[in-house]
N, C-alpha and C. Protein backbone atom coordinates (compact mmCIF):
# COMPACT_ATOMS: atom_id res chain seq x y z
N MET A 1 27.25 -15.41 -0.05
CA MET A 1 26.82 -16.69 -0.59
C MET A 1 25.29 -16.79 -0.61
N VAL A 2 24.65 -16.38 0.48
CA VAL A 2 23.19 -16.43 0.54
C VAL A 2 22.58 -15.57 -0.56
N GLU A 3 23.13 -14.37 -0.74
CA GLU A 3 22.60 -13.49 -1.78
C GLU A 3 22.75 -14.11 -3.17
N THR A 4 23.88 -14.76 -3.43
CA THR A 4 24.11 -15.44 -4.71
C THR A 4 23.07 -16.54 -4.92
N ILE A 5 22.81 -17.30 -3.87
CA ILE A 5 21.83 -18.38 -3.96
C ILE A 5 20.44 -17.82 -4.20
N LEU A 6 20.08 -16.77 -3.49
CA LEU A 6 18.75 -16.19 -3.66
C LEU A 6 18.59 -15.53 -5.02
N ASP A 7 19.65 -14.92 -5.53
CA ASP A 7 19.58 -14.36 -6.88
C ASP A 7 19.35 -15.47 -7.91
N ALA A 8 20.04 -16.58 -7.75
CA ALA A 8 19.85 -17.72 -8.65
C ALA A 8 18.44 -18.27 -8.52
N THR A 9 17.93 -18.34 -7.31
CA THR A 9 16.56 -18.81 -7.09
C THR A 9 15.57 -17.90 -7.79
N THR A 10 15.77 -16.61 -7.69
CA THR A 10 14.90 -15.64 -8.35
C THR A 10 14.90 -15.86 -9.86
N ARG A 11 16.07 -16.03 -10.43
CA ARG A 11 16.16 -16.25 -11.88
C ARG A 11 15.43 -17.53 -12.29
N VAL A 12 15.63 -18.58 -11.53
CA VAL A 12 14.98 -19.86 -11.86
C VAL A 12 13.46 -19.72 -11.75
N LEU A 13 12.99 -19.09 -10.69
CA LEU A 13 11.55 -18.91 -10.52
C LEU A 13 10.94 -18.12 -11.67
N LYS A 14 11.60 -17.06 -12.07
CA LYS A 14 11.07 -16.23 -13.15
C LYS A 14 11.12 -16.95 -14.50
N GLU A 15 12.15 -17.74 -14.71
CA GLU A 15 12.31 -18.44 -15.99
C GLU A 15 11.44 -19.69 -16.08
N ARG A 16 11.36 -20.44 -14.97
CA ARG A 16 10.76 -21.77 -15.04
C ARG A 16 9.57 -21.98 -14.12
N GLY A 17 9.39 -21.12 -13.12
CA GLY A 17 8.29 -21.29 -12.18
C GLY A 17 8.66 -22.18 -11.00
N TYR A 18 7.77 -22.18 -10.02
CA TYR A 18 8.03 -22.89 -8.77
C TYR A 18 8.13 -24.40 -8.97
N GLU A 19 7.28 -24.96 -9.79
CA GLU A 19 7.28 -26.41 -9.99
C GLU A 19 8.62 -26.91 -10.52
N ALA A 20 9.27 -26.12 -11.35
CA ALA A 20 10.56 -26.52 -11.93
C ALA A 20 11.75 -26.17 -11.04
N LEU A 21 11.50 -25.48 -9.94
CA LEU A 21 12.57 -25.09 -9.03
C LEU A 21 13.11 -26.32 -8.29
N THR A 22 14.39 -26.56 -8.42
CA THR A 22 15.05 -27.62 -7.65
C THR A 22 16.32 -27.05 -7.05
N THR A 23 16.72 -27.64 -5.93
CA THR A 23 17.96 -27.18 -5.30
C THR A 23 19.16 -27.45 -6.21
N ASN A 24 19.13 -28.54 -6.93
CA ASN A 24 20.24 -28.84 -7.86
C ASN A 24 20.35 -27.77 -8.94
N TYR A 25 19.21 -27.38 -9.49
CA TYR A 25 19.25 -26.38 -10.56
C TYR A 25 19.67 -25.02 -10.01
N VAL A 26 19.22 -24.68 -8.83
CA VAL A 26 19.61 -23.41 -8.21
C VAL A 26 21.12 -23.40 -7.96
N ALA A 27 21.65 -24.49 -7.42
CA ALA A 27 23.09 -24.58 -7.16
C ALA A 27 23.87 -24.41 -8.47
N GLU A 28 23.40 -25.07 -9.51
CA GLU A 28 24.06 -24.95 -10.82
C GLU A 28 24.03 -23.50 -11.31
N ARG A 29 22.86 -22.86 -11.22
CA ARG A 29 22.73 -21.46 -11.67
C ARG A 29 23.55 -20.51 -10.81
N ALA A 30 23.73 -20.85 -9.54
CA ALA A 30 24.53 -20.01 -8.64
C ALA A 30 26.02 -20.26 -8.80
N GLY A 31 26.37 -21.35 -9.50
CA GLY A 31 27.78 -21.68 -9.68
C GLY A 31 28.43 -22.25 -8.43
N ILE A 32 27.65 -22.95 -7.63
CA ILE A 32 28.16 -23.55 -6.40
C ILE A 32 27.78 -25.03 -6.35
N SER A 33 28.38 -25.74 -5.43
CA SER A 33 28.03 -27.15 -5.27
C SER A 33 26.71 -27.27 -4.51
N ILE A 34 26.04 -28.39 -4.70
CA ILE A 34 24.79 -28.62 -3.98
C ILE A 34 25.04 -28.66 -2.47
N GLY A 35 26.20 -29.18 -2.07
CA GLY A 35 26.55 -29.20 -0.64
C GLY A 35 26.64 -27.81 -0.05
N SER A 36 27.18 -26.87 -0.83
CA SER A 36 27.25 -25.48 -0.36
C SER A 36 25.86 -24.88 -0.20
N LEU A 37 24.99 -25.17 -1.14
CA LEU A 37 23.63 -24.68 -1.05
C LEU A 37 22.95 -25.24 0.20
N TYR A 38 23.14 -26.55 0.44
CA TYR A 38 22.50 -27.19 1.59
C TYR A 38 23.02 -26.67 2.94
N GLN A 39 24.17 -26.04 2.95
CA GLN A 39 24.64 -25.42 4.20
C GLN A 39 23.72 -24.29 4.63
N TYR A 40 23.03 -23.69 3.67
CA TYR A 40 22.17 -22.54 3.95
C TYR A 40 20.68 -22.87 3.82
N PHE A 41 20.35 -23.74 2.88
CA PHE A 41 18.95 -24.03 2.58
C PHE A 41 18.75 -25.53 2.39
N PRO A 42 17.93 -26.16 3.25
CA PRO A 42 17.76 -27.61 3.17
C PRO A 42 16.88 -28.10 2.01
N ASP A 43 16.03 -27.19 1.48
CA ASP A 43 15.12 -27.61 0.41
C ASP A 43 14.59 -26.39 -0.33
N LYS A 44 13.77 -26.64 -1.36
CA LYS A 44 13.28 -25.52 -2.16
C LYS A 44 12.28 -24.66 -1.39
N VAL A 45 11.57 -25.23 -0.47
CA VAL A 45 10.64 -24.44 0.34
C VAL A 45 11.41 -23.40 1.15
N SER A 46 12.54 -23.80 1.70
CA SER A 46 13.34 -22.84 2.49
C SER A 46 13.89 -21.72 1.60
N LEU A 47 14.16 -22.02 0.35
CA LEU A 47 14.59 -20.98 -0.60
C LEU A 47 13.47 -19.96 -0.81
N LEU A 48 12.27 -20.47 -1.02
CA LEU A 48 11.12 -19.60 -1.24
C LEU A 48 10.81 -18.79 0.02
N GLU A 49 10.91 -19.42 1.18
CA GLU A 49 10.67 -18.69 2.43
C GLU A 49 11.69 -17.57 2.62
N ALA A 50 12.94 -17.82 2.24
CA ALA A 50 13.97 -16.77 2.37
C ALA A 50 13.70 -15.62 1.41
N LEU A 51 13.30 -15.93 0.18
CA LEU A 51 12.93 -14.87 -0.78
C LEU A 51 11.74 -14.08 -0.26
N ASN A 52 10.76 -14.79 0.24
CA ASN A 52 9.57 -14.16 0.77
C ASN A 52 9.92 -13.24 1.94
N ALA A 53 10.77 -13.73 2.84
CA ALA A 53 11.18 -12.92 3.99
C ALA A 53 11.90 -11.65 3.55
N ALA A 54 12.79 -11.77 2.57
CA ALA A 54 13.53 -10.60 2.08
C ALA A 54 12.58 -9.61 1.41
N HIS A 55 11.68 -10.12 0.59
CA HIS A 55 10.71 -9.26 -0.10
C HIS A 55 9.80 -8.58 0.92
N SER A 56 9.32 -9.34 1.87
CA SER A 56 8.44 -8.79 2.90
C SER A 56 9.15 -7.79 3.80
N ALA A 57 10.42 -8.06 4.09
CA ALA A 57 11.20 -7.12 4.91
C ALA A 57 11.35 -5.79 4.19
N ASP A 58 11.53 -5.83 2.87
CA ASP A 58 11.60 -4.60 2.09
C ASP A 58 10.28 -3.83 2.20
N MET A 59 9.17 -4.56 2.11
CA MET A 59 7.86 -3.91 2.22
C MET A 59 7.67 -3.33 3.62
N ALA A 60 8.04 -4.10 4.63
CA ALA A 60 7.90 -3.62 6.01
C ALA A 60 8.76 -2.38 6.24
N ALA A 61 9.96 -2.38 5.68
CA ALA A 61 10.85 -1.22 5.83
C ALA A 61 10.25 0.01 5.15
N ALA A 62 9.66 -0.17 3.98
CA ALA A 62 9.03 0.96 3.29
C ALA A 62 7.88 1.52 4.12
N ILE A 63 7.08 0.64 4.69
CA ILE A 63 5.96 1.08 5.51
C ILE A 63 6.46 1.70 6.81
N ALA A 64 7.48 1.10 7.41
CA ALA A 64 8.04 1.64 8.66
C ALA A 64 8.58 3.05 8.44
N SER A 65 9.22 3.28 7.30
CA SER A 65 9.77 4.61 7.06
C SER A 65 8.67 5.64 6.94
N VAL A 66 7.55 5.25 6.38
CA VAL A 66 6.41 6.17 6.27
C VAL A 66 5.85 6.49 7.64
N ILE A 67 5.68 5.47 8.46
CA ILE A 67 5.07 5.66 9.76
C ILE A 67 5.99 6.41 10.72
N SER A 68 7.26 6.03 10.73
CA SER A 68 8.16 6.62 11.73
C SER A 68 8.84 7.90 11.28
N ASP A 69 9.08 8.07 9.98
CA ASP A 69 9.83 9.24 9.51
C ASP A 69 8.96 10.46 9.30
N ASN A 70 7.68 10.27 9.11
CA ASN A 70 6.81 11.40 8.84
C ASN A 70 6.14 11.90 10.10
N GLN A 71 6.16 13.19 10.28
CA GLN A 71 5.34 13.78 11.31
C GLN A 71 3.92 13.74 10.77
N SER A 72 3.05 13.12 11.50
CA SER A 72 1.68 12.97 11.02
C SER A 72 1.07 14.34 10.76
N GLN A 73 0.45 14.42 9.61
CA GLN A 73 -0.31 15.62 9.26
C GLN A 73 -1.78 15.26 9.18
N GLY A 74 -2.12 14.17 9.82
CA GLY A 74 -3.50 13.74 9.87
C GLY A 74 -3.71 12.38 9.23
N LEU A 75 -4.91 11.88 9.43
CA LEU A 75 -5.26 10.54 8.96
C LEU A 75 -5.12 10.40 7.45
N LEU A 76 -5.66 11.33 6.70
CA LEU A 76 -5.59 11.23 5.24
C LEU A 76 -4.14 11.24 4.76
N PHE A 77 -3.32 12.08 5.35
CA PHE A 77 -1.90 12.13 5.00
C PHE A 77 -1.23 10.77 5.27
N ASP A 78 -1.49 10.20 6.46
CA ASP A 78 -0.86 8.94 6.83
C ASP A 78 -1.33 7.78 5.94
N ILE A 79 -2.62 7.75 5.64
CA ILE A 79 -3.13 6.69 4.77
C ILE A 79 -2.53 6.83 3.37
N THR A 80 -2.46 8.04 2.87
CA THR A 80 -1.87 8.27 1.54
C THR A 80 -0.42 7.80 1.52
N ALA A 81 0.33 8.13 2.56
CA ALA A 81 1.73 7.71 2.63
C ALA A 81 1.84 6.20 2.74
N LEU A 82 0.97 5.57 3.53
CA LEU A 82 0.97 4.11 3.66
C LEU A 82 0.70 3.43 2.32
N ILE A 83 -0.30 3.89 1.62
CA ILE A 83 -0.66 3.26 0.35
C ILE A 83 0.42 3.52 -0.70
N ARG A 84 0.99 4.73 -0.70
CA ARG A 84 2.09 5.02 -1.64
C ARG A 84 3.27 4.08 -1.38
N ALA A 85 3.59 3.86 -0.11
CA ALA A 85 4.70 2.96 0.24
C ALA A 85 4.38 1.53 -0.18
N ALA A 86 3.16 1.08 0.07
CA ALA A 86 2.78 -0.28 -0.32
C ALA A 86 2.79 -0.44 -1.83
N MET A 87 2.29 0.55 -2.55
CA MET A 87 2.30 0.49 -4.02
C MET A 87 3.73 0.46 -4.53
N ALA A 88 4.58 1.33 -4.00
CA ALA A 88 5.97 1.37 -4.45
C ALA A 88 6.68 0.04 -4.18
N ALA A 89 6.44 -0.53 -3.01
CA ALA A 89 7.07 -1.81 -2.67
C ALA A 89 6.60 -2.90 -3.62
N HIS A 90 5.33 -2.90 -3.98
CA HIS A 90 4.80 -3.92 -4.88
C HIS A 90 5.20 -3.68 -6.33
N GLU A 91 5.39 -2.42 -6.71
CA GLU A 91 5.78 -2.11 -8.08
C GLU A 91 7.23 -2.47 -8.36
N HIS A 92 8.03 -2.63 -7.30
CA HIS A 92 9.47 -2.89 -7.46
C HIS A 92 9.73 -4.12 -8.34
N ASP A 93 9.11 -5.24 -8.07
CA ASP A 93 9.29 -6.45 -8.84
C ASP A 93 7.98 -7.23 -8.83
N PRO A 94 6.99 -6.75 -9.60
CA PRO A 94 5.67 -7.37 -9.54
C PRO A 94 5.66 -8.84 -9.97
N GLU A 95 6.55 -9.21 -10.88
CA GLU A 95 6.60 -10.60 -11.30
C GLU A 95 6.99 -11.51 -10.13
N MET A 96 8.03 -11.11 -9.39
CA MET A 96 8.44 -11.91 -8.24
C MET A 96 7.39 -11.86 -7.15
N HIS A 97 6.79 -10.71 -6.96
CA HIS A 97 5.75 -10.61 -5.95
C HIS A 97 4.60 -11.57 -6.27
N GLN A 98 4.23 -11.65 -7.51
CA GLN A 98 3.14 -12.54 -7.91
C GLN A 98 3.50 -14.00 -7.64
N ILE A 99 4.73 -14.37 -7.93
CA ILE A 99 5.18 -15.74 -7.66
C ILE A 99 5.13 -16.01 -6.16
N LEU A 100 5.68 -15.10 -5.38
CA LEU A 100 5.71 -15.29 -3.93
C LEU A 100 4.30 -15.31 -3.33
N GLU A 101 3.47 -14.44 -3.81
CA GLU A 101 2.10 -14.36 -3.29
C GLU A 101 1.35 -15.66 -3.57
N LYS A 102 1.60 -16.23 -4.72
CA LYS A 102 0.94 -17.48 -5.08
C LYS A 102 1.42 -18.63 -4.19
N GLU A 103 2.71 -18.66 -3.91
CA GLU A 103 3.28 -19.77 -3.17
C GLU A 103 3.28 -19.57 -1.66
N LEU A 104 3.53 -18.35 -1.20
CA LEU A 104 3.57 -18.03 0.23
C LEU A 104 3.05 -16.62 0.44
N PRO A 105 1.89 -16.45 1.04
CA PRO A 105 1.37 -15.09 1.24
C PRO A 105 2.33 -14.22 2.04
N VAL A 106 2.54 -13.01 1.56
CA VAL A 106 3.51 -12.09 2.16
C VAL A 106 3.04 -11.53 3.49
N PHE A 107 1.77 -11.29 3.65
CA PHE A 107 1.28 -10.60 4.83
C PHE A 107 0.82 -11.53 5.94
N GLU A 108 1.33 -12.74 5.97
CA GLU A 108 0.97 -13.61 7.08
C GLU A 108 1.32 -12.90 8.38
N GLU A 109 0.46 -13.02 9.34
CA GLU A 109 0.66 -12.32 10.60
C GLU A 109 1.48 -13.15 11.57
N VAL A 110 2.65 -13.55 11.12
CA VAL A 110 3.59 -14.25 11.97
C VAL A 110 4.85 -13.43 11.99
N GLU A 111 5.61 -13.58 13.04
CA GLU A 111 6.87 -12.85 13.13
C GLU A 111 7.85 -13.43 12.13
N PRO A 112 8.82 -12.67 11.64
CA PRO A 112 9.05 -11.29 12.00
C PRO A 112 8.38 -10.29 11.07
N VAL A 113 8.02 -10.71 9.86
CA VAL A 113 7.63 -9.75 8.84
C VAL A 113 6.21 -9.26 8.97
N GLY A 114 5.23 -10.16 8.90
CA GLY A 114 3.84 -9.75 8.98
C GLY A 114 3.54 -9.00 10.24
N GLY A 115 4.12 -9.45 11.35
CA GLY A 115 3.92 -8.77 12.62
C GLY A 115 4.46 -7.37 12.61
N GLY A 116 5.58 -7.15 11.92
CA GLY A 116 6.16 -5.82 11.81
C GLY A 116 5.25 -4.87 11.05
N ILE A 117 4.71 -5.32 9.95
CA ILE A 117 3.79 -4.50 9.17
C ILE A 117 2.55 -4.20 10.00
N PHE A 118 2.05 -5.21 10.67
CA PHE A 118 0.86 -5.06 11.51
C PHE A 118 1.11 -4.01 12.59
N ARG A 119 2.24 -4.06 13.26
CA ARG A 119 2.56 -3.07 14.31
C ARG A 119 2.65 -1.66 13.75
N HIS A 120 3.18 -1.50 12.55
CA HIS A 120 3.27 -0.17 11.94
C HIS A 120 1.87 0.38 11.64
N ILE A 121 0.99 -0.48 11.20
CA ILE A 121 -0.37 -0.04 10.93
C ILE A 121 -1.09 0.29 12.23
N GLU A 122 -0.86 -0.49 13.27
CA GLU A 122 -1.42 -0.16 14.58
C GLU A 122 -0.96 1.22 15.04
N GLU A 123 0.30 1.53 14.82
CA GLU A 123 0.84 2.85 15.20
C GLU A 123 0.15 3.95 14.41
N LEU A 124 -0.07 3.74 13.13
CA LEU A 124 -0.78 4.72 12.31
C LEU A 124 -2.17 4.98 12.90
N ILE A 125 -2.83 3.93 13.30
CA ILE A 125 -4.18 4.07 13.87
C ILE A 125 -4.13 4.79 15.22
N ARG A 126 -3.19 4.40 16.07
CA ARG A 126 -3.08 5.04 17.40
C ARG A 126 -2.84 6.54 17.27
N ARG A 127 -1.96 6.93 16.37
CA ARG A 127 -1.63 8.35 16.29
C ARG A 127 -2.72 9.18 15.60
N ASN A 128 -3.72 8.50 15.06
CA ASN A 128 -4.82 9.21 14.41
C ASN A 128 -6.18 8.89 15.03
N THR A 129 -6.18 8.37 16.23
CA THR A 129 -7.42 7.95 16.89
C THR A 129 -8.46 9.06 16.91
N SER A 130 -8.04 10.28 17.10
CA SER A 130 -9.00 11.39 17.20
C SER A 130 -9.77 11.61 15.90
N GLU A 131 -9.24 11.14 14.77
CA GLU A 131 -9.92 11.31 13.48
C GLU A 131 -10.70 10.08 13.05
N ILE A 132 -10.59 9.01 13.79
CA ILE A 132 -11.27 7.78 13.41
C ILE A 132 -12.66 7.79 14.01
N ASN A 133 -13.66 7.84 13.15
CA ASN A 133 -15.05 7.99 13.56
C ASN A 133 -15.75 6.63 13.64
N ARG A 134 -15.20 5.76 14.41
CA ARG A 134 -15.79 4.44 14.63
C ARG A 134 -15.28 3.93 15.96
N THR A 135 -15.98 3.02 16.54
CA THR A 135 -15.48 2.40 17.75
C THR A 135 -14.17 1.74 17.37
N CYS A 136 -13.11 2.11 18.04
CA CYS A 136 -11.79 1.70 17.58
C CYS A 136 -11.16 0.64 18.48
N ASP A 137 -11.33 -0.60 18.08
CA ASP A 137 -10.55 -1.70 18.61
C ASP A 137 -9.30 -1.68 17.74
N THR A 138 -8.21 -1.15 18.27
CA THR A 138 -7.00 -0.92 17.46
C THR A 138 -6.54 -2.17 16.74
N GLU A 139 -6.55 -3.29 17.43
CA GLU A 139 -6.06 -4.52 16.81
C GLU A 139 -6.95 -4.94 15.64
N MET A 140 -8.26 -4.92 15.82
CA MET A 140 -9.18 -5.30 14.74
C MET A 140 -9.10 -4.30 13.59
N THR A 141 -9.03 -3.03 13.92
CA THR A 141 -8.95 -2.00 12.88
C THR A 141 -7.66 -2.14 12.09
N ALA A 142 -6.55 -2.40 12.76
CA ALA A 142 -5.27 -2.61 12.06
C ALA A 142 -5.35 -3.83 11.16
N TRP A 143 -5.98 -4.88 11.65
CA TRP A 143 -6.15 -6.09 10.84
C TRP A 143 -6.94 -5.77 9.58
N MET A 144 -8.03 -5.02 9.73
CA MET A 144 -8.85 -4.65 8.56
C MET A 144 -8.06 -3.78 7.58
N VAL A 145 -7.35 -2.79 8.10
CA VAL A 145 -6.56 -1.91 7.23
C VAL A 145 -5.48 -2.70 6.50
N MET A 146 -4.85 -3.62 7.22
CA MET A 146 -3.82 -4.45 6.61
C MET A 146 -4.42 -5.31 5.49
N ARG A 147 -5.57 -5.90 5.74
CA ARG A 147 -6.21 -6.75 4.74
C ARG A 147 -6.73 -5.92 3.56
N LEU A 148 -7.32 -4.79 3.84
CA LEU A 148 -7.77 -3.91 2.75
C LEU A 148 -6.59 -3.47 1.89
N THR A 149 -5.52 -3.06 2.55
CA THR A 149 -4.33 -2.63 1.82
C THR A 149 -3.81 -3.76 0.96
N ARG A 150 -3.66 -4.92 1.56
CA ARG A 150 -3.14 -6.08 0.82
C ARG A 150 -4.01 -6.38 -0.41
N SER A 151 -5.29 -6.51 -0.20
CA SER A 151 -6.19 -6.88 -1.30
C SER A 151 -6.20 -5.85 -2.41
N LEU A 152 -6.35 -4.60 -2.02
CA LEU A 152 -6.49 -3.55 -3.02
C LEU A 152 -5.17 -3.26 -3.75
N VAL A 153 -4.07 -3.22 -3.02
CA VAL A 153 -2.78 -2.95 -3.66
C VAL A 153 -2.38 -4.12 -4.56
N HIS A 154 -2.57 -5.34 -4.10
CA HIS A 154 -2.27 -6.49 -4.96
C HIS A 154 -3.08 -6.43 -6.24
N SER A 155 -4.34 -6.16 -6.12
CA SER A 155 -5.18 -6.07 -7.32
C SER A 155 -4.72 -4.94 -8.24
N ALA A 156 -4.37 -3.82 -7.66
CA ALA A 156 -3.92 -2.68 -8.47
C ALA A 156 -2.64 -2.99 -9.24
N ILE A 157 -1.72 -3.69 -8.60
CA ILE A 157 -0.44 -3.98 -9.24
C ILE A 157 -0.53 -5.20 -10.15
N LEU A 158 -1.20 -6.24 -9.69
CA LEU A 158 -1.19 -7.50 -10.42
C LEU A 158 -2.34 -7.65 -11.41
N GLU A 159 -3.43 -6.93 -11.18
CA GLU A 159 -4.60 -7.03 -12.05
C GLU A 159 -5.20 -5.65 -12.29
N ALA A 160 -4.37 -4.72 -12.68
CA ALA A 160 -4.81 -3.32 -12.82
C ALA A 160 -6.01 -3.21 -13.77
N PRO A 161 -6.92 -2.30 -13.44
CA PRO A 161 -8.06 -2.11 -14.34
C PRO A 161 -7.58 -1.53 -15.67
N PRO A 162 -8.10 -2.03 -16.77
CA PRO A 162 -7.65 -1.55 -18.08
C PRO A 162 -7.86 -0.04 -18.24
N GLY A 163 -6.84 0.61 -18.77
CA GLY A 163 -6.94 2.02 -19.08
C GLY A 163 -6.83 2.96 -17.89
N LYS A 164 -6.54 2.45 -16.71
CA LYS A 164 -6.43 3.30 -15.53
C LYS A 164 -4.97 3.41 -15.11
N ALA A 165 -4.55 4.62 -14.82
CA ALA A 165 -3.19 4.86 -14.34
C ALA A 165 -3.07 4.41 -12.90
N ALA A 166 -1.87 4.00 -12.52
CA ALA A 166 -1.62 3.57 -11.14
C ALA A 166 -2.02 4.65 -10.16
N SER A 167 -1.79 5.92 -10.50
CA SER A 167 -2.13 7.02 -9.59
C SER A 167 -3.64 7.12 -9.35
N GLU A 168 -4.43 6.81 -10.37
CA GLU A 168 -5.89 6.82 -10.21
C GLU A 168 -6.34 5.72 -9.25
N VAL A 169 -5.77 4.54 -9.44
CA VAL A 169 -6.12 3.41 -8.59
C VAL A 169 -5.65 3.68 -7.16
N GLU A 170 -4.45 4.22 -7.04
CA GLU A 170 -3.91 4.54 -5.72
C GLU A 170 -4.83 5.50 -4.97
N ALA A 171 -5.31 6.52 -5.65
CA ALA A 171 -6.21 7.49 -5.02
C ALA A 171 -7.51 6.83 -4.56
N GLU A 172 -8.01 5.88 -5.33
CA GLU A 172 -9.23 5.17 -4.95
C GLU A 172 -9.00 4.28 -3.74
N ILE A 173 -7.83 3.67 -3.66
CA ILE A 173 -7.50 2.84 -2.49
C ILE A 173 -7.44 3.71 -1.24
N VAL A 174 -6.79 4.85 -1.36
CA VAL A 174 -6.72 5.79 -0.23
C VAL A 174 -8.13 6.18 0.21
N SER A 175 -8.98 6.52 -0.74
CA SER A 175 -10.36 6.89 -0.41
C SER A 175 -11.10 5.78 0.31
N CYS A 176 -10.93 4.56 -0.16
CA CYS A 176 -11.60 3.41 0.45
C CYS A 176 -11.19 3.24 1.91
N ILE A 177 -9.89 3.26 2.17
CA ILE A 177 -9.40 3.04 3.53
C ILE A 177 -9.74 4.24 4.42
N TYR A 178 -9.63 5.44 3.87
CA TYR A 178 -9.99 6.63 4.63
C TYR A 178 -11.47 6.58 5.03
N LEU A 179 -12.33 6.22 4.09
CA LEU A 179 -13.75 6.14 4.41
C LEU A 179 -14.04 5.05 5.44
N TYR A 180 -13.31 3.95 5.37
CA TYR A 180 -13.48 2.90 6.38
C TYR A 180 -13.15 3.45 7.77
N LEU A 181 -12.07 4.21 7.87
CA LEU A 181 -11.63 4.70 9.17
C LEU A 181 -12.36 5.96 9.62
N HIS A 182 -12.52 6.89 8.72
CA HIS A 182 -13.05 8.21 9.09
C HIS A 182 -14.55 8.31 8.86
N GLY A 183 -15.05 7.64 7.86
CA GLY A 183 -16.45 7.76 7.52
C GLY A 183 -16.66 8.96 6.61
N ALA A 184 -17.83 9.09 6.11
CA ALA A 184 -18.17 10.21 5.23
C ALA A 184 -18.36 11.47 6.05
N ASP A 185 -17.94 12.59 5.47
CA ASP A 185 -18.13 13.89 6.15
C ASP A 185 -19.54 14.38 5.98
């Protein structure tokens, strides 16, 4: 039932936008009564929060798989894998991501989602400390990497530079974060 409601919410958001989103219209699109919808979601904000949580959980899972499944082959390898995962997660449904980002930022550092992404980035930093050529306050460095990743990946997906392939932009993002952490050779 929840999935049906969230699918209907997604369709309404894409067709009409957040301002036109109503619980009545979502219930109608889902083919359920408004009372059934209210058993799961008390208002339209809770619908958006649930979509945001699902979208963010997908992103966190993509990042977690990169951090935990790969044997680190060094800082550059880990950063490349992190950015590839973030790009892939954002490329999945950029229209929905743009709607969610406008209404509720995905990378808020609150549990459970933002905190999960933050912890994965902290782990990436911890396992590559020997290659990081800066005084490393792990928490601050993870915060910076998370913010850099968010800003640059969002821009690449939602406002790509004209005439540039995603792979070119991705490589530049990797270089930027690598240089922040490792410094110039």
